[in-house]
Amino acid sequence: MHQHPRNTPRHILIKMTKIKDKEKILKAARGKKQMTYKGTPIRLSADFSAETLQARRDKDTKSYMHNYATQNSNHEKRAQMQ
């Protein structure tokens, strides 16, 4: 089976036993514009549990809804003043 070249960077998951090592590697990765592995672009980032990702999505949704409600409330107040 022939694989097509990827246009997006690959993700590499590494399980580390020492948090300090992980932090050093991620800090060094942030300082680079682009990293490659065997000529293929790669990107390093922290991996989060499904629960953490869902909590972040929920927080973003609540924040969006709050901002939307605030904007509509301000618009209604301005319309009533005119």
PDB file of N, CA and C in Angstrom:
ATOM      1  N   MET A   1       0.841  -1.173   0.000  1.00  0.00           N
ATOM      2  CA  MET A   1       0.000   0.000   0.000  1.00  0.00           C
ATOM      3  C   MET A   1       0.888   1.239   0.000  1.00  0.00           C
ATOM      4  N   HIS A   2       0.620   2.171  -0.880  1.00  0.00           N
ATOM      5  CA  HIS A   2       1.410   3.393  -1.002  1.00  0.00           C
ATOM      6  C   HIS A   2       0.825   4.476  -0.103  1.00  0.00           C
ATOM      7  N   GLN A   3       1.682   5.091   0.703  1.00  0.00           N
ATOM      8  CA  GLN A   3       1.217   6.170   1.571  1.00  0.00           C
ATOM      9  C   GLN A   3       1.457   7.502   0.888  1.00  0.00           C
ATOM     10  N   HIS A   4       0.479   8.382   1.003  1.00  0.00           N
ATOM     11  CA  HIS A   4       0.618   9.724   0.453  1.00  0.00           C
ATOM     12  C   HIS A   4       1.355  10.600   1.456  1.00  0.00           C
ATOM     13  N   PRO A   5       2.174  11.529   0.970  1.00  0.00           N
ATOM     14  CA  PRO A   5       2.875  12.419   1.898  1.00  0.00           C
ATOM     15  C   PRO A   5       1.873  13.283   2.669  1.00  0.00           C
ATOM     16  N   ARG A   6       2.194  13.525   3.926  1.00  0.00           N
ATOM     17  CA  ARG A   6       1.322  14.337   4.775  1.00  0.00           C
ATOM     18  C   ARG A   6       1.700  15.805   4.644  1.00  0.00           C
ATOM     19  N   ASN A   7       0.695  16.658   4.653  1.00  0.00           N
ATOM     20  CA  ASN A   7       0.939  18.098   4.628  1.00  0.00           C
ATOM     21  C   ASN A   7       0.941  18.686   6.028  1.00  0.00           C
ATOM     22  N   THR A   8       0.450  17.934   7.004  1.00  0.00           N
ATOM     23  CA  THR A   8       0.386  18.438   8.369  1.00  0.00           C
ATOM     24  C   THR A   8       1.456  17.767   9.215  1.00  0.00           C
ATOM     25  N   PRO A   9       1.912  18.460  10.263  1.00  0.00           N
ATOM     26  CA  PRO A   9       2.918  17.847  11.135  1.00  0.00           C
ATOM     27  C   PRO A   9       2.372  16.600  11.822  1.00  0.00           C
ATOM     28  N   ARG A  10       3.256  15.655  12.105  1.00  0.00           N
ATOM     29  CA  ARG A  10       2.873  14.440  12.822  1.00  0.00           C
ATOM     30  C   ARG A  10       2.925  14.688  14.320  1.00  0.00           C
ATOM     31  N   HIS A  11       2.128  13.932  15.045  1.00  0.00           N
ATOM     32  CA  HIS A  11       2.153  13.994  16.504  1.00  0.00           C
ATOM     33  C   HIS A  11       2.866  12.755  17.026  1.00  0.00           C
ATOM     34  N   ILE A  12       3.724  12.947  18.005  1.00  0.00           N
ATOM     35  CA  ILE A  12       4.449  11.845  18.629  1.00  0.00           C
ATOM     36  C   ILE A  12       4.055  11.830  20.101  1.00  0.00           C
ATOM     37  N   LEU A  13       3.545  10.712  20.588  1.00  0.00           N
ATOM     38  CA  LEU A  13       3.186  10.590  21.999  1.00  0.00           C
ATOM     39  C   LEU A  13       4.326   9.916  22.741  1.00  0.00           C
ATOM     40  N   ILE A  14       4.789  10.571  23.787  1.00  0.00           N
ATOM     41  CA  ILE A  14       5.877  10.036  24.604  1.00  0.00           C
ATOM     42  C   ILE A  14       5.399  10.028  26.051  1.00  0.00           C
ATOM     43  N   LYS A  15       5.486   8.892  26.689  1.00  0.00           N
ATOM     44  CA  LYS A  15       5.121   8.794  28.101  1.00  0.00           C
ATOM     45  C   LYS A  15       6.402   8.955  28.907  1.00  0.00           C
ATOM     46  N   MET A  16       6.442   9.958  29.772  1.00  0.00           N
ATOM     47  CA  MET A  16       7.652  10.240  30.535  1.00  0.00           C
ATOM     48  C   MET A  16       7.391  10.023  32.016  1.00  0.00           C
ATOM     49  N   THR A  17       8.397   9.519  32.702  1.00  0.00           N
ATOM     50  CA  THR A  17       8.244   9.258  34.132  1.00  0.00           C
ATOM     51  C   THR A  17       8.577  10.486  34.975  1.00  0.00           C
ATOM     52  N   LYS A  18       9.387  11.382  34.440  1.00  0.00           N
ATOM     53  CA  LYS A  18       9.774  12.570  35.202  1.00  0.00           C
ATOM     54  C   LYS A  18       9.148  13.819  34.582  1.00  0.00           C
ATOM     55  N   ILE A  19       8.360  14.510  35.379  1.00  0.00           N
ATOM     56  CA  ILE A  19       7.671  15.716  34.921  1.00  0.00           C
ATOM     57  C   ILE A  19       8.674  16.785  34.485  1.00  0.00           C
ATOM     58  N   LYS A  20       9.774  16.923  35.211  1.00  0.00           N
ATOM     59  CA  LYS A  20      10.762  17.956  34.874  1.00  0.00           C
ATOM     60  C   LYS A  20      11.350  17.735  33.483  1.00  0.00           C
ATOM     61  N   ASP A  21      11.587  16.474  33.119  1.00  0.00           N
ATOM     62  CA  ASP A  21      12.099  16.178  31.776  1.00  0.00           C
ATOM     63  C   ASP A  21      11.084  16.594  30.715  1.00  0.00           C
ATOM     64  N   LYS A  22       9.820  16.265  30.967  1.00  0.00           N
ATOM     65  CA  LYS A  22       8.756  16.635  30.028  1.00  0.00           C
ATOM     66  C   LYS A  22       8.702  18.152  29.862  1.00  0.00           C
ATOM     67  N   GLU A  23       8.764  18.876  30.976  1.00  0.00           N
ATOM     68  CA  GLU A  23       8.701  20.335  30.921  1.00  0.00           C
ATOM     69  C   GLU A  23       9.876  20.919  30.145  1.00  0.00           C
ATOM     70  N   LYS A  24      11.078  20.370  30.342  1.00  0.00           N
ATOM     71  CA  LYS A  24      12.257  20.849  29.614  1.00  0.00           C
ATOM     72  C   LYS A  24      12.097  20.638  28.108  1.00  0.00           C
ATOM     73  N   ILE A  25      11.624  19.460  27.733  1.00  0.00           N
ATOM     74  CA  ILE A  25      11.457  19.144  26.309  1.00  0.00           C
ATOM     75  C   ILE A  25      10.403  20.044  25.675  1.00  0.00           C
ATOM     76  N   LEU A  26       9.260  20.212  26.353  1.00  0.00           N
ATOM     77  CA  LEU A  26       8.202  21.065  25.802  1.00  0.00           C
ATOM     78  C   LEU A  26       8.649  22.522  25.713  1.00  0.00           C
ATOM     79  N   LYS A  27       9.418  22.981  26.698  1.00  0.00           N
ATOM     80  CA  LYS A  27       9.923  24.356  26.665  1.00  0.00           C
ATOM     81  C   LYS A  27      10.872  24.544  25.481  1.00  0.00           C
ATOM     82  N   ALA A  28      11.751  23.578  25.254  1.00  0.00           N
ATOM     83  CA  ALA A  28      12.671  23.652  24.116  1.00  0.00           C
ATOM     84  C   ALA A  28      11.904  23.611  22.798  1.00  0.00           C
ATOM     85  N   ALA A  29      10.852  22.805  22.741  1.00  0.00           N
ATOM     86  CA  ALA A  29      10.054  22.692  21.512  1.00  0.00           C
ATOM     87  C   ALA A  29       9.338  23.998  21.198  1.00  0.00           C
ATOM     88  N   ARG A  30       8.870  24.697  22.233  1.00  0.00           N
ATOM     89  CA  ARG A  30       8.187  25.983  22.008  1.00  0.00           C
ATOM     90  C   ARG A  30       9.127  27.015  21.399  1.00  0.00           C
ATOM     91  N   GLY A  31      10.420  26.900  21.677  1.00  0.00           N
ATOM     92  CA  GLY A  31      11.387  27.849  21.160  1.00  0.00           C
ATOM     93  C   GLY A  31      11.742  27.632  19.695  1.00  0.00           C
ATOM     94  N   LYS A  32      11.314  26.533  19.125  1.00  0.00           N
ATOM     95  CA  LYS A  32      11.627  26.208  17.730  1.00  0.00           C
ATOM     96  C   LYS A  32      10.461  26.586  16.826  1.00  0.00           C
ATOM     97  N   LYS A  33      10.781  27.096  15.644  1.00  0.00           N
ATOM     98  CA  LYS A  33       9.723  27.391  14.678  1.00  0.00           C
ATOM     99  C   LYS A  33       9.164  26.110  14.085  1.00  0.00           C
ATOM    100  N   GLN A  34      10.063  25.210  13.682  1.00  0.00           N
ATOM    101  CA  GLN A  34       9.622  23.938  13.123  1.00  0.00           C
ATOM    102  C   GLN A  34      10.657  22.873  13.441  1.00  0.00           C
ATOM    103  N   MET A  35      10.167  21.700  13.808  1.00  0.00           N
ATOM    104  CA  MET A  35      11.049  20.571  14.059  1.00  0.00           C
ATOM    105  C   MET A  35      10.714  19.484  13.049  1.00  0.00           C
ATOM    106  N   THR A  36      11.714  18.690  12.724  1.00  0.00           N
ATOM    107  CA  THR A  36      11.483  17.592  11.786  1.00  0.00           C
ATOM    108  C   THR A  36      12.071  16.312  12.343  1.00  0.00           C
ATOM    109  N   TYR A  37      11.507  15.203  11.907  1.00  0.00           N
ATOM    110  CA  TYR A  37      12.028  13.881  12.208  1.00  0.00           C
ATOM    111  C   TYR A  37      12.140  13.156  10.881  1.00  0.00           C
ATOM    112  N   LYS A  38      13.373  12.833  10.492  1.00  0.00           N
ATOM    113  CA  LYS A  38      13.641  12.203   9.193  1.00  0.00           C
ATOM    114  C   LYS A  38      13.008  12.999   8.055  1.00  0.00           C
ATOM    115  N   GLY A  39      13.122  14.318   8.164  1.00  0.00           N
ATOM    116  CA  GLY A  39      12.612  15.194   7.111  1.00  0.00           C
ATOM    117  C   GLY A  39      11.121  15.480   7.173  1.00  0.00           C
ATOM    118  N   THR A  40      10.412  14.874   8.121  1.00  0.00           N
ATOM    119  CA  THR A  40       8.973  15.082   8.253  1.00  0.00           C
ATOM    120  C   THR A  40       8.708  16.059   9.392  1.00  0.00           C
ATOM    121  N   PRO A  41       7.921  17.110   9.150  1.00  0.00           N
ATOM    122  CA  PRO A  41       7.623  18.063  10.229  1.00  0.00           C
ATOM    123  C   PRO A  41       6.920  17.379  11.398  1.00  0.00           C
ATOM    124  N   ILE A  42       7.339  17.721  12.609  1.00  0.00           N
ATOM    125  CA  ILE A  42       6.690  17.209  13.819  1.00  0.00           C
ATOM    126  C   ILE A  42       6.381  18.376  14.744  1.00  0.00           C
ATOM    127  N   ARG A  43       5.483  18.126  15.688  1.00  0.00           N
ATOM    128  CA  ARG A  43       5.100  19.141  16.672  1.00  0.00           C
ATOM    129  C   ARG A  43       4.958  18.435  18.014  1.00  0.00           C
ATOM    130  N   LEU A  44       5.482  19.031  19.064  1.00  0.00           N
ATOM    131  CA  LEU A  44       5.370  18.461  20.404  1.00  0.00           C
ATOM    132  C   LEU A  44       4.401  19.299  21.228  1.00  0.00           C
ATOM    133  N   SER A  45       3.552  18.625  21.974  1.00  0.00           N
ATOM    134  CA  SER A  45       2.650  19.318  22.891  1.00  0.00           C
ATOM    135  C   SER A  45       2.285  18.358  24.010  1.00  0.00           C
ATOM    136  N   ALA A  46       1.794  18.908  25.104  1.00  0.00           N
ATOM    137  CA  ALA A  46       1.387  18.073  26.229  1.00  0.00           C
ATOM    138  C   ALA A  46       0.117  17.321  25.863  1.00  0.00           C
ATOM    139  N   ASP A  47       0.028  16.087  26.302  1.00  0.00           N
ATOM    140  CA  ASP A  47      -1.162  15.271  26.067  1.00  0.00           C
ATOM    141  C   ASP A  47      -2.037  15.350  27.310  1.00  0.00           C
ATOM    142  N   PHE A  48      -3.330  15.581  27.108  1.00  0.00           N
ATOM    143  CA  PHE A  48      -4.251  15.708  28.226  1.00  0.00           C
ATOM    144  C   PHE A  48      -5.241  14.555  28.232  1.00  0.00           C
ATOM    145  N   SER A  49      -5.730  14.223  29.396  1.00  0.00           N
ATOM    146  CA  SER A  49      -6.722  13.153  29.512  1.00  0.00           C
ATOM    147  C   SER A  49      -8.031  13.592  28.861  1.00  0.00           C
ATOM    148  N   ALA A  50      -8.879  12.631  28.550  1.00  0.00           N
ATOM    149  CA  ALA A  50     -10.184  12.929  27.954  1.00  0.00           C
ATOM    150  C   ALA A  50     -11.002  13.819  28.887  1.00  0.00           C
ATOM    151  N   GLU A  51     -10.876  13.598  30.192  1.00  0.00           N
ATOM    152  CA  GLU A  51     -11.623  14.406  31.158  1.00  0.00           C
ATOM    153  C   GLU A  51     -11.164  15.860  31.131  1.00  0.00           C
ATOM    154  N   THR A  52      -9.869  16.078  31.038  1.00  0.00           N
ATOM    155  CA  THR A  52      -9.338  17.440  30.978  1.00  0.00           C
ATOM    156  C   THR A  52      -9.797  18.136  29.706  1.00  0.00           C
ATOM    157  N   LEU A  53      -9.725  17.446  28.582  1.00  0.00           N
ATOM    158  CA  LEU A  53     -10.160  18.043  27.320  1.00  0.00           C
ATOM    159  C   LEU A  53     -11.645  18.383  27.354  1.00  0.00           C
ATOM    160  N   GLN A  54     -12.484  17.501  27.921  1.00  0.00           N
ATOM    161  CA  GLN A  54     -13.919  17.769  28.001  1.00  0.00           C
ATOM    162  C   GLN A  54     -14.189  18.956  28.923  1.00  0.00           C
ATOM    163  N   ALA A  55     -13.474  19.045  30.033  1.00  0.00           N
ATOM    164  CA  ALA A  55     -13.649  20.170  30.954  1.00  0.00           C
ATOM    165  C   ALA A  55     -13.299  21.482  30.261  1.00  0.00           C
ATOM    166  N   ARG A  56     -12.251  21.488  29.453  1.00  0.00           N
ATOM    167  CA  ARG A  56     -11.877  22.698  28.716  1.00  0.00           C
ATOM    168  C   ARG A  56     -12.940  23.061  27.691  1.00  0.00           C
ATOM    169  N   ARG A  57     -13.489  22.051  26.992  1.00  0.00           N
ATOM    170  CA  ARG A  57     -14.555  22.316  26.017  1.00  0.00           C
ATOM    171  C   ARG A  57     -15.775  22.904  26.718  1.00  0.00           C
ATOM    172  N   ASP A  58     -16.139  22.325  27.872  1.00  0.00           N
ATOM    173  CA  ASP A  58     -17.290  22.816  28.627  1.00  0.00           C
ATOM    174  C   ASP A  58     -17.069  24.259  29.072  1.00  0.00           C
ATOM    175  N   LYS A  59     -15.869  24.552  29.538  1.00  0.00           N
ATOM    176  CA  LYS A  59     -15.555  25.910  29.981  1.00  0.00           C
ATOM    177  C   LYS A  59     -15.639  26.879  28.804  1.00  0.00           C
ATOM    178  N   ASP A  60     -15.113  26.499  27.647  1.00  0.00           N
ATOM    179  CA  ASP A  60     -15.178  27.349  26.460  1.00  0.00           C
ATOM    180  C   ASP A  60     -16.619  27.588  26.041  1.00  0.00           C
ATOM    181  N   THR A  61     -17.457  26.555  26.121  1.00  0.00           N
ATOM    182  CA  THR A  61     -18.865  26.686  25.749  1.00  0.00           C
ATOM    183  C   THR A  61     -19.577  27.639  26.700  1.00  0.00           C
ATOM    184  N   LYS A  62     -19.334  27.488  27.999  1.00  0.00           N
ATOM    185  CA  LYS A  62     -19.962  28.377  28.982  1.00  0.00           C
ATOM    186  C   LYS A  62     -19.515  29.818  28.760  1.00  0.00           C
ATOM    187  N   SER A  63     -18.234  30.012  28.488  1.00  0.00           N
ATOM    188  CA  SER A  63     -17.707  31.352  28.239  1.00  0.00           C
ATOM    189  C   SER A  63     -18.354  31.957  27.005  1.00  0.00           C
ATOM    190  N   TYR A  64     -18.491  31.174  25.938  1.00  0.00           N
ATOM    191  CA  TYR A  64     -19.116  31.653  24.706  1.00  0.00           C
ATOM    192  C   TYR A  64     -20.563  32.047  24.969  1.00  0.00           C
ATOM    193  N   MET A  65     -21.295  31.188  25.675  1.00  0.00           N
ATOM    194  CA  MET A  65     -22.705  31.464  25.956  1.00  0.00           C
ATOM    195  C   MET A  65     -22.851  32.717  26.815  1.00  0.00           C
ATOM    196  N   HIS A  66     -21.976  32.902  27.794  1.00  0.00           N
ATOM    197  CA  HIS A  66     -22.021  34.097  28.640  1.00  0.00           C
ATOM    198  C   HIS A  66     -21.782  35.351  27.799  1.00  0.00           C
ATOM    199  N   ASN A  67     -20.763  35.308  26.945  1.00  0.00           N
ATOM    200  CA  ASN A  67     -20.466  36.461  26.093  1.00  0.00           C
ATOM    201  C   ASN A  67     -21.608  36.749  25.135  1.00  0.00           C
ATOM    202  N   TYR A  68     -22.221  35.712  24.581  1.00  0.00           N
ATOM    203  CA  TYR A  68     -23.340  35.870  23.654  1.00  0.00           C
ATOM    204  C   TYR A  68     -24.525  36.521  24.369  1.00  0.00           C
ATOM    205  N   ALA A  69     -24.828  36.035  25.577  1.00  0.00           N
ATOM    206  CA  ALA A  69     -25.947  36.588  26.345  1.00  0.00           C
ATOM    207  C   ALA A  69     -25.679  38.045  26.713  1.00  0.00           C
ATOM    208  N   THR A  70     -24.463  38.368  27.092  1.00  0.00           N
ATOM    209  CA  THR A  70     -24.104  39.737  27.449  1.00  0.00           C
ATOM    210  C   THR A  70     -24.244  40.669  26.251  1.00  0.00           C
ATOM    211  N   GLN A  71     -23.782  40.234  25.090  1.00  0.00           N
ATOM    212  CA  GLN A  71     -23.893  41.061  23.882  1.00  0.00           C
ATOM    213  C   GLN A  71     -25.349  41.310  23.524  1.00  0.00           C
ATOM    214  N   ASN A  72     -26.186  40.278  23.591  1.00  0.00           N
ATOM    215  CA  ASN A  72     -27.602  40.440  23.263  1.00  0.00           C
ATOM    216  C   ASN A  72     -28.295  41.346  24.261  1.00  0.00           C
ATOM    217  N   SER A  73     -27.951  41.226  25.525  1.00  0.00           N
ATOM    218  CA  SER A  73     -28.539  42.066  26.560  1.00  0.00           C
ATOM    219  C   SER A  73     -28.189  43.530  26.314  1.00  0.00           C
ATOM    220  N   ASN A  74     -26.935  43.796  25.983  1.00  0.00           N
ATOM    221  CA  ASN A  74     -26.508  45.171  25.700  1.00  0.00           C
ATOM    222  C   ASN A  74     -27.208  45.715  24.466  1.00  0.00           C
ATOM    223  N   HIS A  75     -27.390  44.884  23.455  1.00  0.00           N
ATOM    224  CA  HIS A  75     -28.064  45.304  22.225  1.00  0.00           C
ATOM    225  C   HIS A  75     -29.524  45.653  22.522  1.00  0.00           C
ATOM    226  N   GLU A  76     -30.196  44.833  23.340  1.00  0.00           N
ATOM    227  CA  GLU A  76     -31.592  45.090  23.691  1.00  0.00           C
ATOM    228  C   GLU A  76     -31.720  46.377  24.487  1.00  0.00           C
ATOM    229  N   LYS A  77     -30.792  46.635  25.403  1.00  0.00           N
ATOM    230  CA  LYS A  77     -30.827  47.867  26.203  1.00  0.00           C
ATOM    231  C   LYS A  77     -30.673  49.085  25.304  1.00  0.00           C
ATOM    232  N   ARG A  78     -29.755  49.008  24.333  1.00  0.00           N
ATOM    233  CA  ARG A  78     -29.565  50.132  23.411  1.00  0.00           C
ATOM    234  C   ARG A  78     -30.809  50.357  22.561  1.00  0.00           C
ATOM    235  N   ALA A  79     -31.460  49.289  22.144  1.00  0.00           N
ATOM    236  CA  ALA A  79     -32.662  49.402  21.316  1.00  0.00           C
ATOM    237  C   ALA A  79     -33.792  50.038  22.114  1.00  0.00           C
ATOM    238  N   GLN A  80     -33.896  49.735  23.402  1.00  0.00           N
ATOM    239  CA  GLN A  80     -34.945  50.307  24.238  1.00  0.00           C
ATOM    240  C   GLN A  80     -34.705  51.786  24.492  1.00  0.00           C
ATOM    241  N   MET A  81     -33.456  52.212  24.508  1.00  0.00           N
ATOM    242  CA  MET A  81     -33.115  53.606  24.781  1.00  0.00           C
ATOM    243  C   MET A  81     -33.437  54.500  23.595  1.00  0.00           C
ATOM    244  N   GLN A  82     -33.504  53.943  22.416  1.00  0.00           N
ATOM    245  CA  GLN A  82     -33.705  54.765  21.219  1.00  0.00           C
ATOM    246  C   GLN A  82     -35.138  55.050  20.963  1.00  0.00           C
TER     247      GLN A  82
END
